[in-house]
Each structure stands twice: as C-alpha cells, then as structure tokens.
Amino acid sequence: MTQDPGVIAAALTPRGKRGELDFGAAFELIDHLCAARIHGVLLFGSAGEYPAFGVEERSRLLQLAAKRCRVPMFAGVGAVSLDDSIALARAAFSAGVAGIMLPPPHFYRYPQEEIREFYLQFAAQTRDGEAVYISNTPEVTSPMDNVTLRVLLDTGRFAGIVDPGVETYSGAPYLWLAGDDSTVTRARASGARGMVSAAASAAPELLLALDCALRTGNREETARLDAMLQEFHQWTARFPHPVILKTAADARGFKMGPLSVPVSPERRRILDEFREWFRGWLPEVKKLSAHA
C-alpha cells in the first residue's frame, strides 16, 4: 500500500467525571471530524492517552465507532504487553478498521533486540491483508533506531510506518506517514505520503488546508499554513501531551472531561493565556474549511 491516505486525525479520548471513557463525547468528536472532511480517524494513538483505558473499554469503543465513522478508521493498539496488543488488534480488525498502528510496549524502556522480537511475534499473529503500521513514538515509548525499523520493514509483514522524524522512506514498498505536527511539512517534502496529526483533532481545517497546499505544490500557501501550525504547536510543547489539544477541543465546545493529571495552580495562568490566544486564532482557521 503506497497511496497517499491524506490527513489522519489522531483523535483525543474524552473522559467522564470519574475518568471513564465518555462514549457520547467520543462519538460527537468523530462526527465533527467526519463533517470537516478529514481523510481518516485514529483512535487510541498517543494523543488518545491509550494507557489510561482498559482493553475491554477500548475494544467496545472501536466496535461502536467503526459503525459510526464515515471515513477510514484506524486503531492504536499500544499496550503494556504483547498479549494485550494482540487482543486489541483482533478486536479492531473484527470491527472493520482500515489498519492498526502498533507502538512499542509502554512503561519500561526496552532494548532494540526485545523491540524487534515484540514486533516479529506480533506479526506472526496477524493474517494476510491485515494492515499493521509500525508506530515509532519515542516521546512516550522506547525509541526505535533506524536499524530496527529497517529490519522490521524489510520483512514485508508491515504495511508501513508512522514516524516523527524526516528520514526518507520514499520508494519503498510500504507507506511512510509523518507522525509529528512540528515536522510534518518537512517530512512530506522528504517523501512522506500522508500524516497522522494530533493537531487535526482540534483544528482539522488547518491540517486539511495544509495537505491541499502540499499536494498542489503551492509553496507560499504551504509556508503560511505551516507557520500557523507551528504557532499552535509551540503551545502544545509547553504542557504534557495532550493538555493543550484537549483545552482547544473544549474551547470549541467538545466535552473532554477532566485532564488525566491536573494542571498546577501556577501553570493555569498559561492555560488561560492559551485560551485567549486560541479564541483569536480560531476564526482564521475556520475560514480555511472552504479551501481545504
């Protein structure tokens, strides 16, 4: 699979008052992303805070969301163990997802040999035609070096890779998706054939317009839109991921529920500054929907 899947929004996961998954709010966000004409939706990526939810809870949302989502849906199947990732993958494919995205197991730091074995044993449990994407997420899991990535991709068992860097995988028989909003424009210029964007969950109009400018080779518009994206990303970098994203989504009227970890009183002032900035930034973003 080497076609360009466009913009895949890494959806946030709304929480209820007691920290449980808020299914109704999740459906509203999915509906909004589909109405914005996003090209795909990823549930339970790192922006979706997947470690906070159990296998049963995640599997249930995948089953229900797949019936509701009007664009290709992808599932993040990151977990603390190989068995849990396999169980999530089976639930996702049973729901009819377009593909799954598998990061290394979280919590502990693993050497490259164990990471390779994890992926090879996982691949041995999948069927032909099931699209499995390696998801390199060094900000939250063990980093994967280039040797490990090449060895795994060269097995032919994986459909592609989601990578936050700008290394070129173009010309290979697998799909490379840009996985970091801060480098997405440079990655696309280096050969990435699509993007998995957390910012698209809060501002899909901007990422769709940027994708359009990249596809058409409009350099001036690409530079302008990337500058807007970087301005937003600078805010996200000031807090643990995805505090700013949830604050932005909440400001747009989507129920996100309480943050997994509360913000300190000293830093709430910065969040207030962000909300004020976002209110002034958002109207220009909304105008982009007509041109995406």
C-alpha atoms as a PDB file:
ATOM      1  CA  MET A   1       0.000   0.000   0.000  1.00  0.00           C
ATOM      2  CA  THR A   2       1.732   3.172  -1.167  1.00  0.00           C
ATOM      3  CA  GLN A   3      -1.142   5.501  -1.915  1.00  0.00           C
ATOM      4  CA  ASP A   4      -1.497   8.765  -0.018  1.00  0.00           C
ATOM      5  CA  PRO A   5      -4.126   8.468   2.750  1.00  0.00           C
ATOM      6  CA  GLY A   6      -4.059  12.220   3.409  1.00  0.00           C
ATOM      7  CA  VAL A   7      -4.709  13.554   6.909  1.00  0.00           C
ATOM      8  CA  ILE A   8      -5.477  11.028   9.617  1.00  0.00           C
ATOM      9  CA  ALA A   9      -6.633  12.811  12.761  1.00  0.00           C
ATOM     10  CA  ALA A  10      -5.243  11.281  15.939  1.00  0.00           C
ATOM     11  CA  ALA A  11      -8.424  11.654  17.973  1.00  0.00           C
ATOM     12  CA  LEU A  12      -8.491  12.695  21.592  1.00  0.00           C
ATOM     13  CA  THR A  13     -10.302  10.442  24.061  1.00  0.00           C
ATOM     14  CA  PRO A  14     -12.917  12.250  26.179  1.00  0.00           C
ATOM     15  CA  ARG A  15     -13.218  11.200  29.814  1.00  0.00           C
ATOM     16  CA  GLY A  16     -16.148  11.255  32.202  1.00  0.00           C
ATOM     17  CA  LYS A  17     -16.140  12.758  35.677  1.00  0.00           C
ATOM     18  CA  ARG A  18     -14.622   9.611  37.203  1.00  0.00           C
ATOM     19  CA  GLY A  19     -12.056   9.155  34.462  1.00  0.00           C
ATOM     20  CA  GLU A  20     -14.057   6.623  32.494  1.00  0.00           C
ATOM     21  CA  LEU A  21     -14.265   6.766  28.706  1.00  0.00           C
ATOM     22  CA  ASP A  22     -17.086   9.093  27.618  1.00  0.00           C
ATOM     23  CA  PHE A  23     -18.606   7.269  24.644  1.00  0.00           C
ATOM     24  CA  GLY A  24     -21.127  10.001  23.784  1.00  0.00           C
ATOM     25  CA  ALA A  25     -18.477  12.728  23.681  1.00  0.00           C
ATOM     26  CA  ALA A  26     -16.189  10.466  21.619  1.00  0.00           C
ATOM     27  CA  PHE A  27     -18.965   9.989  19.042  1.00  0.00           C
ATOM     28  CA  GLU A  28     -19.524  13.751  18.856  1.00  0.00           C
ATOM     29  CA  LEU A  29     -15.837  14.328  18.154  1.00  0.00           C
ATOM     30  CA  ILE A  30     -15.808  11.625  15.471  1.00  0.00           C
ATOM     31  CA  ASP A  31     -18.889  13.182  13.857  1.00  0.00           C
ATOM     32  CA  HIS A  32     -17.182  16.593  13.853  1.00  0.00           C
ATOM     33  CA  LEU A  33     -14.013  15.233  12.240  1.00  0.00           C
ATOM     34  CA  CYS A  34     -16.019  13.430   9.558  1.00  0.00           C
ATOM     35  CA  ALA A  35     -18.079  16.567   8.877  1.00  0.00           C
ATOM     36  CA  ALA A  36     -14.820  18.507   8.497  1.00  0.00           C
ATOM     37  CA  ARG A  37     -13.936  16.032   5.693  1.00  0.00           C
ATOM     38  CA  ILE A  38     -10.925  14.596   7.441  1.00  0.00           C
ATOM     39  CA  HIS A  39      -9.455  11.685   5.481  1.00  0.00           C
ATOM     40  CA  GLY A  40      -9.150   9.218   8.362  1.00  0.00           C
ATOM     41  CA  VAL A  41      -9.501   8.913  12.135  1.00  0.00           C
ATOM     42  CA  LEU A  42      -7.108   7.174  14.514  1.00  0.00           C
ATOM     43  CA  LEU A  43      -8.462   6.104  17.895  1.00  0.00           C
ATOM     44  CA  PHE A  44      -6.136   5.423  20.818  1.00  0.00           C
ATOM     45  CA  GLY A  45      -2.932   6.848  19.460  1.00  0.00           C
ATOM     46  CA  SER A  46      -0.628   8.574  21.943  1.00  0.00           C
ATOM     47  CA  ALA A  47      -2.820  11.706  21.776  1.00  0.00           C
ATOM     48  CA  GLY A  48      -5.724   9.456  22.767  1.00  0.00           C
ATOM     49  CA  GLU A  49      -3.982   8.542  26.045  1.00  0.00           C
ATOM     50  CA  TYR A  50      -4.396   4.829  25.410  1.00  0.00           C
ATOM     51  CA  PRO A  51      -2.656   3.658  28.639  1.00  0.00           C
ATOM     52  CA  ALA A  52      -5.497   5.236  30.641  1.00  0.00           C
ATOM     53  CA  PHE A  53      -8.110   2.802  29.311  1.00  0.00           C
ATOM     54  CA  GLY A  54      -8.522  -0.961  29.558  1.00  0.00           C
ATOM     55  CA  VAL A  55      -8.630  -3.481  26.729  1.00  0.00           C
ATOM     56  CA  GLU A  56     -12.376  -4.129  27.116  1.00  0.00           C
ATOM     57  CA  GLU A  57     -13.230  -0.410  27.152  1.00  0.00           C
ATOM     58  CA  ARG A  58     -11.092   0.304  24.101  1.00  0.00           C
ATOM     59  CA  SER A  59     -12.443  -2.692  22.191  1.00  0.00           C
ATOM     60  CA  ARG A  60     -16.015  -1.592  22.821  1.00  0.00           C
ATOM     61  CA  LEU A  61     -15.409   1.930  21.512  1.00  0.00           C
ATOM     62  CA  LEU A  62     -13.681   0.532  18.436  1.00  0.00           C
ATOM     63  CA  GLN A  63     -16.663  -1.694  17.658  1.00  0.00           C
ATOM     64  CA  LEU A  64     -19.168   1.139  18.050  1.00  0.00           C
ATOM     65  CA  ALA A  65     -17.078   3.868  16.417  1.00  0.00           C
ATOM     66  CA  ALA A  66     -16.346   1.780  13.331  1.00  0.00           C
ATOM     67  CA  LYS A  67     -20.080   1.636  12.610  1.00  0.00           C
ATOM     68  CA  ARG A  68     -20.416   5.401  13.044  1.00  0.00           C
ATOM     69  CA  CYS A  69     -17.252   6.722  11.379  1.00  0.00           C
ATOM     70  CA  ARG A  70     -17.789   7.779   7.743  1.00  0.00           C
ATOM     71  CA  VAL A  71     -14.091   7.782   6.833  1.00  0.00           C
ATOM     72  CA  PRO A  72     -11.418   5.073   7.178  1.00  0.00           C
ATOM     73  CA  MET A  73     -10.807   4.360  10.841  1.00  0.00           C
ATOM     74  CA  PHE A  74      -7.513   3.230  12.323  1.00  0.00           C
ATOM     75  CA  ALA A  75      -6.835   1.818  15.767  1.00  0.00           C
ATOM     76  CA  GLY A  76      -3.864   2.317  18.016  1.00  0.00           C
ATOM     77  CA  VAL A  77      -3.130  -0.991  19.753  1.00  0.00           C
ATOM     78  CA  GLY A  78      -0.362   0.087  22.095  1.00  0.00           C
ATOM     79  CA  ALA A  79      -0.316  -1.735  25.422  1.00  0.00           C
ATOM     80  CA  VAL A  80       1.942  -2.842  28.219  1.00  0.00           C
ATOM     81  CA  SER A  81       2.158  -6.415  26.898  1.00  0.00           C
ATOM     82  CA  LEU A  82       2.214  -8.373  23.640  1.00  0.00           C
ATOM     83  CA  ASP A  83      -0.941 -10.279  24.600  1.00  0.00           C
ATOM     84  CA  ASP A  84      -2.942  -7.088  25.155  1.00  0.00           C
ATOM     85  CA  SER A  85      -1.783  -5.595  21.853  1.00  0.00           C
ATOM     86  CA  ILE A  86      -2.812  -8.783  20.034  1.00  0.00           C
ATOM     87  CA  ALA A  87      -6.226  -8.773  21.744  1.00  0.00           C
ATOM     88  CA  LEU A  88      -6.780  -5.139  20.757  1.00  0.00           C
ATOM     89  CA  ALA A  89      -5.690  -5.846  17.181  1.00  0.00           C
ATOM     90  CA  ARG A  90      -8.156  -8.711  16.860  1.00  0.00           C
ATOM     91  CA  ALA A  91     -10.956  -6.538  18.204  1.00  0.00           C
ATOM     92  CA  ALA A  92     -10.010  -3.742  15.809  1.00  0.00           C
ATOM     93  CA  PHE A  93      -9.900  -5.932  12.711  1.00  0.00           C
ATOM     94  CA  SER A  94     -13.137  -7.592  13.774  1.00  0.00           C
ATOM     95  CA  ALA A  95     -14.679  -4.095  13.851  1.00  0.00           C
ATOM     96  CA  GLY A  96     -13.503  -3.492  10.289  1.00  0.00           C
ATOM     97  CA  VAL A  97     -10.758  -0.888  10.744  1.00  0.00           C
ATOM     98  CA  ALA A  98      -8.604   0.093   7.777  1.00  0.00           C
ATOM     99  CA  GLY A  99      -5.443  -0.620   9.735  1.00  0.00           C
ATOM    100  CA  ILE A 100      -3.824  -0.690  13.145  1.00  0.00           C
ATOM    101  CA  MET A 101      -0.877   1.303  14.473  1.00  0.00           C
ATOM    102  CA  LEU A 102       1.431  -0.503  16.868  1.00  0.00           C
ATOM    103  CA  PRO A 103       3.935   1.346  19.095  1.00  0.00           C
ATOM    104  CA  PRO A 104       6.484  -0.470  21.262  1.00  0.00           C
ATOM    105  CA  PRO A 105       5.142  -1.625  24.645  1.00  0.00           C
ATOM    106  CA  HIS A 106       4.933   1.247  27.093  1.00  0.00           C
ATOM    107  CA  PHE A 107       6.171   1.918  30.627  1.00  0.00           C
ATOM    108  CA  TYR A 108       9.536   0.126  30.590  1.00  0.00           C
ATOM    109  CA  ARG A 109      12.466   1.011  28.376  1.00  0.00           C
ATOM    110  CA  TYR A 110      13.293  -1.935  26.124  1.00  0.00           C
ATOM    111  CA  PRO A 111      16.500  -2.620  24.147  1.00  0.00           C
ATOM    112  CA  GLN A 112      16.271  -2.882  20.363  1.00  0.00           C
ATOM    113  CA  GLU A 113      16.521  -6.709  20.402  1.00  0.00           C
ATOM    114  CA  GLU A 114      13.375  -7.029  22.547  1.00  0.00           C
ATOM    115  CA  ILE A 115      11.541  -4.447  20.455  1.00  0.00           C
ATOM    116  CA  ARG A 116      12.310  -6.384  17.279  1.00  0.00           C
ATOM    117  CA  GLU A 117      11.123  -9.638  18.874  1.00  0.00           C
ATOM    118  CA  PHE A 118       7.930  -7.954  20.079  1.00  0.00           C
ATOM    119  CA  TYR A 119       7.071  -6.832  16.555  1.00  0.00           C
ATOM    120  CA  LEU A 120       8.031 -10.122  14.911  1.00  0.00           C
ATOM    121  CA  GLN A 121       5.900 -12.157  17.317  1.00  0.00           C
ATOM    122  CA  PHE A 122       3.026  -9.722  16.842  1.00  0.00           C
ATOM    123  CA  ALA A 123       3.293 -10.017  13.049  1.00  0.00           C
ATOM    124  CA  ALA A 124       3.204 -13.795  13.344  1.00  0.00           C
ATOM    125  CA  GLN A 125      -0.270 -13.462  14.893  1.00  0.00           C
ATOM    126  CA  THR A 126      -1.742 -11.380  12.050  1.00  0.00           C
ATOM    127  CA  ARG A 127      -3.372 -12.530   8.831  1.00  0.00           C
ATOM    128  CA  ASP A 128      -2.568 -11.661   5.252  1.00  0.00           C
ATOM    129  CA  GLY A 129      -4.323  -8.462   4.243  1.00  0.00           C
ATOM    130  CA  GLU A 130      -4.404  -7.006   7.761  1.00  0.00           C
ATOM    131  CA  ALA A 131      -2.622  -3.663   7.585  1.00  0.00           C
ATOM    132  CA  VAL A 132      -0.241  -3.227  10.512  1.00  0.00           C
ATOM    133  CA  TYR A 133       1.740   0.018  10.758  1.00  0.00           C
ATOM    134  CA  ILE A 134       4.768   0.406  12.978  1.00  0.00           C
ATOM    135  CA  SER A 135       4.274   3.496  15.127  1.00  0.00           C
ATOM    136  CA  ASN A 136       7.545   4.997  16.337  1.00  0.00           C
ATOM    137  CA  THR A 137       6.638   7.105  19.381  1.00  0.00           C
ATOM    138  CA  PRO A 138       9.926   7.946  21.140  1.00  0.00           C
ATOM    139  CA  GLU A 139       8.296  10.673  23.234  1.00  0.00           C
ATOM    140  CA  VAL A 140       6.246   8.086  25.182  1.00  0.00           C
ATOM    141  CA  THR A 141       7.773   4.638  24.483  1.00  0.00           C
ATOM    142  CA  SER A 142      11.190   3.109  23.870  1.00  0.00           C
ATOM    143  CA  PRO A 143      12.786   4.817  20.846  1.00  0.00           C
ATOM    144  CA  MET A 144      13.323   2.604  17.800  1.00  0.00           C
ATOM    145  CA  ASP A 145      16.608   3.064  15.962  1.00  0.00           C
ATOM    146  CA  ASN A 146      16.956   3.054  12.181  1.00  0.00           C
ATOM    147  CA  VAL A 147      18.425  -0.451  12.080  1.00  0.00           C
ATOM    148  CA  THR A 148      15.446  -1.899  13.956  1.00  0.00           C
ATOM    149  CA  LEU A 149      12.975  -0.055  11.757  1.00  0.00           C
ATOM    150  CA  ARG A 150      14.646  -1.183   8.538  1.00  0.00           C
ATOM    151  CA  VAL A 151      14.901  -4.805   9.678  1.00  0.00           C
ATOM    152  CA  LEU A 152      11.202  -4.897  10.556  1.00  0.00           C
ATOM    153  CA  LEU A 153      10.014  -3.095   7.439  1.00  0.00           C
ATOM    154  CA  ASP A 154      12.156  -5.293   5.188  1.00  0.00           C
ATOM    155  CA  THR A 155      10.326  -8.396   6.449  1.00  0.00           C
ATOM    156  CA  GLY A 156       7.341  -7.349   4.335  1.00  0.00           C
ATOM    157  CA  ARG A 157       4.999  -8.077   7.259  1.00  0.00           C
ATOM    158  CA  PHE A 158       4.180  -4.426   7.892  1.00  0.00           C
ATOM    159  CA  ALA A 159       2.142  -2.082   5.702  1.00  0.00           C
ATOM    160  CA  GLY A 160       4.128   0.996   6.675  1.00  0.00           C
ATOM    161  CA  ILE A 161       5.455   3.247   9.385  1.00  0.00           C
ATOM    162  CA  VAL A 162       4.327   6.309  11.312  1.00  0.00           C
ATOM    163  CA  ASP A 163       7.491   8.197  12.179  1.00  0.00           C
ATOM    164  CA  PRO A 164       8.010  11.623  13.800  1.00  0.00           C
ATOM    165  CA  GLY A 165      11.269  12.308  12.003  1.00  0.00           C
ATOM    166  CA  VAL A 166      12.070  13.384   8.486  1.00  0.00           C
ATOM    167  CA  GLU A 167      14.057  10.354   7.322  1.00  0.00           C
ATOM    168  CA  THR A 168      13.178   9.354   3.792  1.00  0.00           C
ATOM    169  CA  TYR A 169      11.344   6.076   3.270  1.00  0.00           C
ATOM    170  CA  SER A 170      10.158   7.055  -0.206  1.00  0.00           C
ATOM    171  CA  GLY A 171      10.423   4.473  -2.954  1.00  0.00           C
ATOM    172  CA  ALA A 172       9.975   1.584  -0.525  1.00  0.00           C
ATOM    173  CA  PRO A 173       7.059  -0.878  -0.864  1.00  0.00           C
ATOM    174  CA  TYR A 174       5.474   0.376   2.331  1.00  0.00           C
ATOM    175  CA  LEU A 175       3.757   3.545   3.387  1.00  0.00           C
ATOM    176  CA  TRP A 176       5.522   6.276   5.359  1.00  0.00           C
ATOM    177  CA  LEU A 177       3.246   8.593   7.320  1.00  0.00           C
ATOM    178  CA  ALA A 178       4.539  11.762   9.003  1.00  0.00           C
ATOM    179  CA  GLY A 179       3.791  11.498  12.703  1.00  0.00           C
ATOM    180  CA  ASP A 180       4.750  14.846  14.223  1.00  0.00           C
ATOM    181  CA  ASP A 181       2.968  18.163  13.635  1.00  0.00           C
ATOM    182  CA  SER A 182       6.203  20.078  14.175  1.00  0.00           C
ATOM    183  CA  THR A 183       7.945  18.354  11.239  1.00  0.00           C
ATOM    184  CA  VAL A 184       5.053  17.298   9.006  1.00  0.00           C
ATOM    185  CA  THR A 185       5.777  19.778   6.218  1.00  0.00           C
ATOM    186  CA  ARG A 186       9.462  18.826   6.008  1.00  0.00           C
ATOM    187  CA  ALA A 187       8.554  15.132   6.168  1.00  0.00           C
ATOM    188  CA  ARG A 188       6.121  15.475   3.286  1.00  0.00           C
ATOM    189  CA  ALA A 189       8.814  17.248   1.283  1.00  0.00           C
ATOM    190  CA  SER A 190      11.118  14.286   2.010  1.00  0.00           C
ATOM    191  CA  GLY A 191       8.627  11.717   0.743  1.00  0.00           C
ATOM    192  CA  ALA A 192       6.062  11.047   3.479  1.00  0.00           C
ATOM    193  CA  ARG A 193       2.810  10.131   1.745  1.00  0.00           C
ATOM    194  CA  GLY A 194       0.368  11.204   4.432  1.00  0.00           C
ATOM    195  CA  MET A 195       0.204  12.329   8.021  1.00  0.00           C
ATOM    196  CA  VAL A 196      -1.100  11.285  11.414  1.00  0.00           C
ATOM    197  CA  SER A 197      -1.832  14.554  13.160  1.00  0.00           C
ATOM    198  CA  ALA A 198      -2.839  15.205  16.762  1.00  0.00           C
ATOM    199  CA  ALA A 199      -3.467  18.866  15.951  1.00  0.00           C
ATOM    200  CA  ALA A 200      -6.058  17.742  13.395  1.00  0.00           C
ATOM    201  CA  SER A 201      -8.216  16.554  16.270  1.00  0.00           C
ATOM    202  CA  ALA A 202      -8.529  20.155  17.486  1.00  0.00           C
ATOM    203  CA  ALA A 203      -8.113  22.070  14.196  1.00  0.00           C
ATOM    204  CA  PRO A 204      -8.886  19.756  11.242  1.00  0.00           C
ATOM    205  CA  GLU A 205      -9.450  22.714   8.923  1.00  0.00           C
ATOM    206  CA  LEU A 206      -5.820  23.785   9.200  1.00  0.00           C
ATOM    207  CA  LEU A 207      -4.321  20.363   8.539  1.00  0.00           C
ATOM    208  CA  LEU A 208      -6.628  19.713   5.599  1.00  0.00           C
ATOM    209  CA  ALA A 209      -5.739  23.071   4.048  1.00  0.00           C
ATOM    210  CA  LEU A 210      -2.032  22.374   4.594  1.00  0.00           C
ATOM    211  CA  ASP A 211      -2.403  18.959   2.989  1.00  0.00           C
ATOM    212  CA  CYS A 212      -4.111  20.548  -0.017  1.00  0.00           C
ATOM    213  CA  ALA A 213      -1.323  23.121  -0.394  1.00  0.00           C
ATOM    214  CA  LEU A 214       1.307  20.371  -0.194  1.00  0.00           C
ATOM    215  CA  ARG A 215      -0.452  18.249  -2.815  1.00  0.00           C
ATOM    216  CA  THR A 216      -0.808  21.128  -5.249  1.00  0.00           C
ATOM    217  CA  GLY A 217       2.735  22.410  -4.732  1.00  0.00           C
ATOM    218  CA  ASN A 218       1.615  25.828  -3.525  1.00  0.00           C
ATOM    219  CA  ARG A 219       4.771  26.818  -1.667  1.00  0.00           C
ATOM    220  CA  GLU A 220       3.591  30.213  -0.496  1.00  0.00           C
ATOM    221  CA  GLU A 221       0.391  28.801   0.983  1.00  0.00           C
ATOM    222  CA  THR A 222       2.254  25.852   2.456  1.00  0.00           C
ATOM    223  CA  ALA A 223       4.645  28.211   4.259  1.00  0.00           C
ATOM    224  CA  ARG A 224       1.779  30.348   5.575  1.00  0.00           C
ATOM    225  CA  LEU A 225      -0.218  27.391   6.866  1.00  0.00           C
ATOM    226  CA  ASP A 226       2.811  25.654   8.345  1.00  0.00           C
ATOM    227  CA  ALA A 227       3.613  28.868  10.246  1.00  0.00           C
ATOM    228  CA  MET A 228       0.097  28.767  11.707  1.00  0.00           C
ATOM    229  CA  LEU A 229       0.559  25.129  12.663  1.00  0.00           C
ATOM    230  CA  GLN A 230       3.921  25.800  14.308  1.00  0.00           C
ATOM    231  CA  GLU A 231       2.413  28.648  16.293  1.00  0.00           C
ATOM    232  CA  PHE A 232      -0.192  26.220  17.644  1.00  0.00           C
ATOM    233  CA  HIS A 233       2.402  23.510  18.219  1.00  0.00           C
ATOM    234  CA  GLN A 234       4.537  25.843  20.317  1.00  0.00           C
ATOM    235  CA  TRP A 235       1.684  25.959  22.821  1.00  0.00           C
ATOM    236  CA  THR A 236       1.342  22.160  22.887  1.00  0.00           C
ATOM    237  CA  ALA A 237       5.049  21.840  23.671  1.00  0.00           C
ATOM    238  CA  ARG A 238       4.585  23.819  26.886  1.00  0.00           C
ATOM    239  CA  PHE A 239       2.481  21.110  28.534  1.00  0.00           C
ATOM    240  CA  PRO A 240       2.421  17.335  28.696  1.00  0.00           C
ATOM    241  CA  HIS A 241       0.700  15.915  25.651  1.00  0.00           C
ATOM    242  CA  PRO A 242      -2.307  16.367  25.115  1.00  0.00           C
ATOM    243  CA  VAL A 243      -3.228  19.118  27.607  1.00  0.00           C
ATOM    244  CA  ILE A 244      -3.338  21.929  25.034  1.00  0.00           C
ATOM    245  CA  LEU A 245      -5.163  19.753  22.495  1.00  0.00           C
ATOM    246  CA  LYS A 246      -7.924  18.945  24.980  1.00  0.00           C
ATOM    247  CA  THR A 247      -8.123  22.564  26.077  1.00  0.00           C
ATOM    248  CA  ALA A 248      -8.517  23.622  22.437  1.00  0.00           C
ATOM    249  CA  ALA A 249     -11.186  20.987  21.753  1.00  0.00           C
ATOM    250  CA  ASP A 250     -13.036  22.027  24.884  1.00  0.00           C
ATOM    251  CA  ALA A 251     -12.902  25.662  23.730  1.00  0.00           C
ATOM    252  CA  ARG A 252     -14.586  24.539  20.509  1.00  0.00           C
ATOM    253  CA  GLY A 253     -17.454  23.064  22.505  1.00  0.00           C
ATOM    254  CA  PHE A 254     -16.437  19.413  22.731  1.00  0.00           C
ATOM    255  CA  LYS A 255     -16.656  17.753  26.124  1.00  0.00           C
ATOM    256  CA  MET A 256     -13.229  16.445  27.034  1.00  0.00           C
ATOM    257  CA  GLY A 257     -13.768  15.867  30.733  1.00  0.00           C
ATOM    258  CA  PRO A 258     -11.085  16.275  33.403  1.00  0.00           C
ATOM    259  CA  LEU A 259      -7.434  16.068  32.495  1.00  0.00           C
ATOM    260  CA  SER A 260      -5.716  12.815  33.433  1.00  0.00           C
ATOM    261  CA  VAL A 261      -3.250  14.793  35.559  1.00  0.00           C
ATOM    262  CA  PRO A 262      -4.395  18.175  36.906  1.00  0.00           C
ATOM    263  CA  VAL A 263      -2.503  21.320  35.982  1.00  0.00           C
ATOM    264  CA  SER A 264      -0.833  23.093  38.872  1.00  0.00           C
ATOM    265  CA  PRO A 265      -2.271  26.442  40.052  1.00  0.00           C
ATOM    266  CA  GLU A 266       0.934  28.173  38.952  1.00  0.00           C
ATOM    267  CA  ARG A 267       0.542  26.943  35.366  1.00  0.00           C
ATOM    268  CA  ARG A 268      -3.184  27.509  34.998  1.00  0.00           C
ATOM    269  CA  ARG A 269      -2.315  31.087  34.077  1.00  0.00           C
ATOM    270  CA  ILE A 270      -0.552  29.789  30.965  1.00  0.00           C
ATOM    271  CA  LEU A 271      -3.643  27.775  30.036  1.00  0.00           C
ATOM    272  CA  ASP A 272      -5.748  30.926  30.429  1.00  0.00           C
ATOM    273  CA  GLU A 273      -3.325  32.728  28.104  1.00  0.00           C
ATOM    274  CA  PHE A 274      -3.674  29.920  25.608  1.00  0.00           C
ATOM    275  CA  ARG A 275      -7.482  30.055  25.668  1.00  0.00           C
ATOM    276  CA  GLU A 276      -7.368  33.789  24.966  1.00  0.00           C
ATOM    277  CA  TRP A 277      -4.868  33.257  22.130  1.00  0.00           C
ATOM    278  CA  PHE A 278      -6.903  30.361  20.716  1.00  0.00           C
ATOM    279  CA  ARG A 279     -10.089  32.432  20.596  1.00  0.00           C
ATOM    280  CA  GLY A 280      -8.276  34.963  18.440  1.00  0.00           C
ATOM    281  CA  TRP A 281      -6.570  32.315  16.272  1.00  0.00           C
ATOM    282  CA  LEU A 282      -9.570  30.076  15.601  1.00  0.00           C
ATOM    283  CA  PRO A 283     -11.627  32.345  13.264  1.00  0.00           C
ATOM    284  CA  GLU A 284      -8.809  32.380  10.699  1.00  0.00           C
ATOM    285  CA  VAL A 285      -8.597  28.585  10.936  1.00  0.00           C
ATOM    286  CA  LYS A 286     -12.335  28.171  10.382  1.00  0.00           C
ATOM    287  CA  LYS A 287     -12.087  30.216   7.183  1.00  0.00           C
ATOM    288  CA  LEU A 288      -9.804  27.531   5.760  1.00  0.00           C
ATOM    289  CA  SER A 289     -12.584  24.922   5.632  1.00  0.00           C
ATOM    290  CA  ALA A 290     -13.873  26.354   2.344  1.00  0.00           C
ATOM    291  CA  HIS A 291     -10.483  25.846   0.681  1.00  0.00           C
ATOM    292  CA  ALA A 292      -9.352  22.500   2.127  1.00  0.00           C
END
